[in-house]
Amino acid sequence: MTYVVTDNCIQCKFTDCVAVCPVNCFYEGPNFLVINPDECIDCDACVPVCPAKAIYNEDDLPDDKRLFLQINEELSRVWPQITDQKDPLPDAAKWDGVADKLKHLIRTTPES
């Protein structure tokens, strides 16, 4: 079992979750964070601190967000690990809660 970052993190990228993660299982892309499912220890520390309410326990993922399990696994293999809290993206407040954000996900590596 793992925790999964879902679509409401896209274009927001709050990193409060990174600050509380005891095992550094978060990875950072240009406009999204993901959790490496092999590193997550299911501690639940990230869920209550996520301002965007974008993190779910794998067992509690709504059906329309199940694809994010695969997205987290895939992108955590290519994106760099993030271990320190950073400022959210400049327009994070504007994007928080916007529906249908998957089309805005940038999958490239930050260096690309």
C-alpha atoms as a PDB file:
ATOM      1  CA  MET A   1       0.000   0.000   0.000  1.00  0.00           C
ATOM      2  CA  THR A   2       1.153   3.547  -0.709  1.00  0.00           C
ATOM      3  CA  TYR A   3      -0.013   7.122  -0.782  1.00  0.00           C
ATOM      4  CA  VAL A   4      -0.703   8.774  -4.116  1.00  0.00           C
ATOM      5  CA  VAL A   5      -0.495  12.390  -5.257  1.00  0.00           C
ATOM      6  CA  THR A   6      -3.430  13.235  -7.524  1.00  0.00           C
ATOM      7  CA  ASP A   7      -4.480  15.912  -9.986  1.00  0.00           C
ATOM      8  CA  ASN A   8      -5.131  18.788  -7.614  1.00  0.00           C
ATOM      9  CA  CYS A   9      -1.354  19.062  -7.105  1.00  0.00           C
ATOM     10  CA  ILE A  10      -0.870  19.858 -10.811  1.00  0.00           C
ATOM     11  CA  GLN A  11       0.017  23.543 -11.291  1.00  0.00           C
ATOM     12  CA  CYS A  12       0.102  24.031  -7.479  1.00  0.00           C
ATOM     13  CA  LYS A  13       3.029  21.943  -6.231  1.00  0.00           C
ATOM     14  CA  PHE A  14       2.727  22.744  -2.556  1.00  0.00           C
ATOM     15  CA  THR A  15       5.593  20.999  -0.753  1.00  0.00           C
ATOM     16  CA  ASP A  16       4.307  20.899   2.819  1.00  0.00           C
ATOM     17  CA  CYS A  17       4.163  17.117   2.345  1.00  0.00           C
ATOM     18  CA  VAL A  18       7.874  16.966   1.581  1.00  0.00           C
ATOM     19  CA  ALA A  19       8.706  18.703   4.853  1.00  0.00           C
ATOM     20  CA  VAL A  20       6.984  16.021   6.948  1.00  0.00           C
ATOM     21  CA  CYS A  21       7.949  12.885   4.996  1.00  0.00           C
ATOM     22  CA  PRO A  22      10.266  10.755   7.159  1.00  0.00           C
ATOM     23  CA  VAL A  23      11.616   8.717   4.228  1.00  0.00           C
ATOM     24  CA  ASN A  24      11.943  11.292   1.428  1.00  0.00           C
ATOM     25  CA  CYS A  25       9.715   9.451  -1.028  1.00  0.00           C
ATOM     26  CA  PHE A  26       8.612  12.551  -2.983  1.00  0.00           C
ATOM     27  CA  TYR A  27       9.854  13.375  -6.470  1.00  0.00           C
ATOM     28  CA  GLU A  28       9.501  16.688  -8.261  1.00  0.00           C
ATOM     29  CA  GLY A  29       8.509  17.510 -11.790  1.00  0.00           C
ATOM     30  CA  PRO A  30       8.004  20.914 -13.383  1.00  0.00           C
ATOM     31  CA  ASN A  31       4.435  21.339 -12.092  1.00  0.00           C
ATOM     32  CA  PHE A  32       3.605  18.271  -9.983  1.00  0.00           C
ATOM     33  CA  LEU A  33       4.933  16.080  -7.189  1.00  0.00           C
ATOM     34  CA  VAL A  34       4.717  12.290  -7.008  1.00  0.00           C
ATOM     35  CA  ILE A  35       5.340   9.611  -4.403  1.00  0.00           C
ATOM     36  CA  ASN A  36       7.530   6.603  -5.097  1.00  0.00           C
ATOM     37  CA  PRO A  37       5.333   3.662  -4.049  1.00  0.00           C
ATOM     38  CA  ASP A  38       8.343   1.479  -3.230  1.00  0.00           C
ATOM     39  CA  GLU A  39       9.702   4.033  -0.769  1.00  0.00           C
ATOM     40  CA  CYS A  40       6.469   5.182   0.895  1.00  0.00           C
ATOM     41  CA  ILE A  41       6.028   3.666   4.359  1.00  0.00           C
ATOM     42  CA  ASP A  42       2.313   4.461   4.643  1.00  0.00           C
ATOM     43  CA  CYS A  43       2.803   6.750   7.613  1.00  0.00           C
ATOM     44  CA  ASP A  44      -0.015   9.164   6.659  1.00  0.00           C
ATOM     45  CA  ALA A  45       2.061  12.233   7.642  1.00  0.00           C
ATOM     46  CA  CYS A  46       1.633  13.900   4.242  1.00  0.00           C
ATOM     47  CA  VAL A  47      -2.159  13.744   3.961  1.00  0.00           C
ATOM     48  CA  PRO A  48      -3.214  16.247   6.637  1.00  0.00           C
ATOM     49  CA  VAL A  49      -0.580  18.839   5.661  1.00  0.00           C
ATOM     50  CA  CYS A  50      -1.399  18.969   1.938  1.00  0.00           C
ATOM     51  CA  PRO A  51      -3.107  22.345   1.353  1.00  0.00           C
ATOM     52  CA  ALA A  52      -4.549  21.076  -1.945  1.00  0.00           C
ATOM     53  CA  LYS A  53      -5.958  17.860  -0.402  1.00  0.00           C
ATOM     54  CA  ALA A  54      -4.308  16.047  -3.323  1.00  0.00           C
ATOM     55  CA  ILE A  55      -2.882  13.008  -1.481  1.00  0.00           C
ATOM     56  CA  TYR A  56      -4.835   9.798  -0.950  1.00  0.00           C
ATOM     57  CA  ASN A  57      -4.158   6.411   0.512  1.00  0.00           C
ATOM     58  CA  GLU A  58      -4.076   3.947  -2.371  1.00  0.00           C
ATOM     59  CA  ASP A  59      -7.034   2.092  -0.871  1.00  0.00           C
ATOM     60  CA  ASP A  60      -9.101   5.288  -0.745  1.00  0.00           C
ATOM     61  CA  LEU A  61      -8.429   6.539  -4.268  1.00  0.00           C
ATOM     62  CA  PRO A  62     -11.650   7.506  -6.032  1.00  0.00           C
ATOM     63  CA  ASP A  63     -12.159   5.560  -9.265  1.00  0.00           C
ATOM     64  CA  ASP A  64     -11.536   8.635 -11.394  1.00  0.00           C
ATOM     65  CA  LYS A  65      -8.110   9.098  -9.762  1.00  0.00           C
ATOM     66  CA  ARG A  66      -6.848   5.488  -9.972  1.00  0.00           C
ATOM     67  CA  LEU A  67      -4.645   6.341 -12.965  1.00  0.00           C
ATOM     68  CA  PHE A  68      -2.534   8.492 -10.627  1.00  0.00           C
ATOM     69  CA  LEU A  69      -1.158   5.361  -8.981  1.00  0.00           C
ATOM     70  CA  GLN A  70       0.557   4.504 -12.274  1.00  0.00           C
ATOM     71  CA  ILE A  71       1.530   8.145 -12.907  1.00  0.00           C
ATOM     72  CA  ASN A  72       3.209   8.382  -9.470  1.00  0.00           C
ATOM     73  CA  GLU A  73       5.099   5.148 -10.024  1.00  0.00           C
ATOM     74  CA  GLU A  74       6.206   6.084 -13.545  1.00  0.00           C
ATOM     75  CA  LEU A  75       7.312   9.645 -12.842  1.00  0.00           C
ATOM     76  CA  SER A  76       9.038   8.845  -9.542  1.00  0.00           C
ATOM     77  CA  ARG A  77      11.470   6.752 -11.607  1.00  0.00           C
ATOM     78  CA  VAL A  78      12.548   9.686 -13.796  1.00  0.00           C
ATOM     79  CA  TRP A  79      12.082  12.845 -11.741  1.00  0.00           C
ATOM     80  CA  PRO A  80      14.595  13.983  -9.098  1.00  0.00           C
ATOM     81  CA  GLN A  81      13.922  13.427  -5.427  1.00  0.00           C
ATOM     82  CA  ILE A  82      12.833  16.468  -3.434  1.00  0.00           C
ATOM     83  CA  THR A  83      13.776  16.588   0.248  1.00  0.00           C
ATOM     84  CA  ASP A  84      13.254  20.234   1.214  1.00  0.00           C
ATOM     85  CA  GLN A  85      10.155  22.378   1.273  1.00  0.00           C
ATOM     86  CA  LYS A  86       9.965  25.036  -1.436  1.00  0.00           C
ATOM     87  CA  ASP A  87       7.547  27.782  -2.315  1.00  0.00           C
ATOM     88  CA  PRO A  88       4.519  26.594  -4.298  1.00  0.00           C
ATOM     89  CA  LEU A  89       4.165  27.582  -7.943  1.00  0.00           C
ATOM     90  CA  PRO A  90       3.343  31.295  -8.374  1.00  0.00           C
ATOM     91  CA  ASP A  91      -0.285  30.701  -9.423  1.00  0.00           C
ATOM     92  CA  ALA A  92      -0.940  27.850  -6.977  1.00  0.00           C
ATOM     93  CA  ALA A  93      -3.869  29.554  -5.271  1.00  0.00           C
ATOM     94  CA  LYS A  94      -5.520  30.187  -8.628  1.00  0.00           C
ATOM     95  CA  TRP A  95      -5.148  26.526  -9.675  1.00  0.00           C
ATOM     96  CA  ASP A  96      -6.141  24.931  -6.360  1.00  0.00           C
ATOM     97  CA  GLY A  97      -9.461  23.165  -6.903  1.00  0.00           C
ATOM     98  CA  VAL A  98      -9.583  23.585 -10.690  1.00  0.00           C
ATOM     99  CA  ALA A  99     -11.106  20.504 -12.309  1.00  0.00           C
ATOM    100  CA  ASP A 100      -9.648  18.467 -15.154  1.00  0.00           C
ATOM    101  CA  LYS A 101      -5.985  19.411 -14.590  1.00  0.00           C
ATOM    102  CA  LEU A 102      -4.409  16.223 -15.961  1.00  0.00           C
ATOM    103  CA  LYS A 103      -4.075  17.850 -19.396  1.00  0.00           C
ATOM    104  CA  HIS A 104      -1.715  20.399 -17.783  1.00  0.00           C
ATOM    105  CA  LEU A 105       0.689  17.798 -16.352  1.00  0.00           C
ATOM    106  CA  ILE A 106       4.214  18.332 -17.682  1.00  0.00           C
ATOM    107  CA  ARG A 107       5.892  14.919 -17.740  1.00  0.00           C
ATOM    108  CA  THR A 108       9.352  16.009 -18.783  1.00  0.00           C
ATOM    109  CA  THR A 109      12.217  16.079 -16.341  1.00  0.00           C
ATOM    110  CA  PRO A 110      12.966  19.490 -14.834  1.00  0.00           C
ATOM    111  CA  GLU A 111      16.317  19.560 -16.653  1.00  0.00           C
ATOM    112  CA  SER A 112      14.699  18.943 -20.083  1.00  0.00           C
END
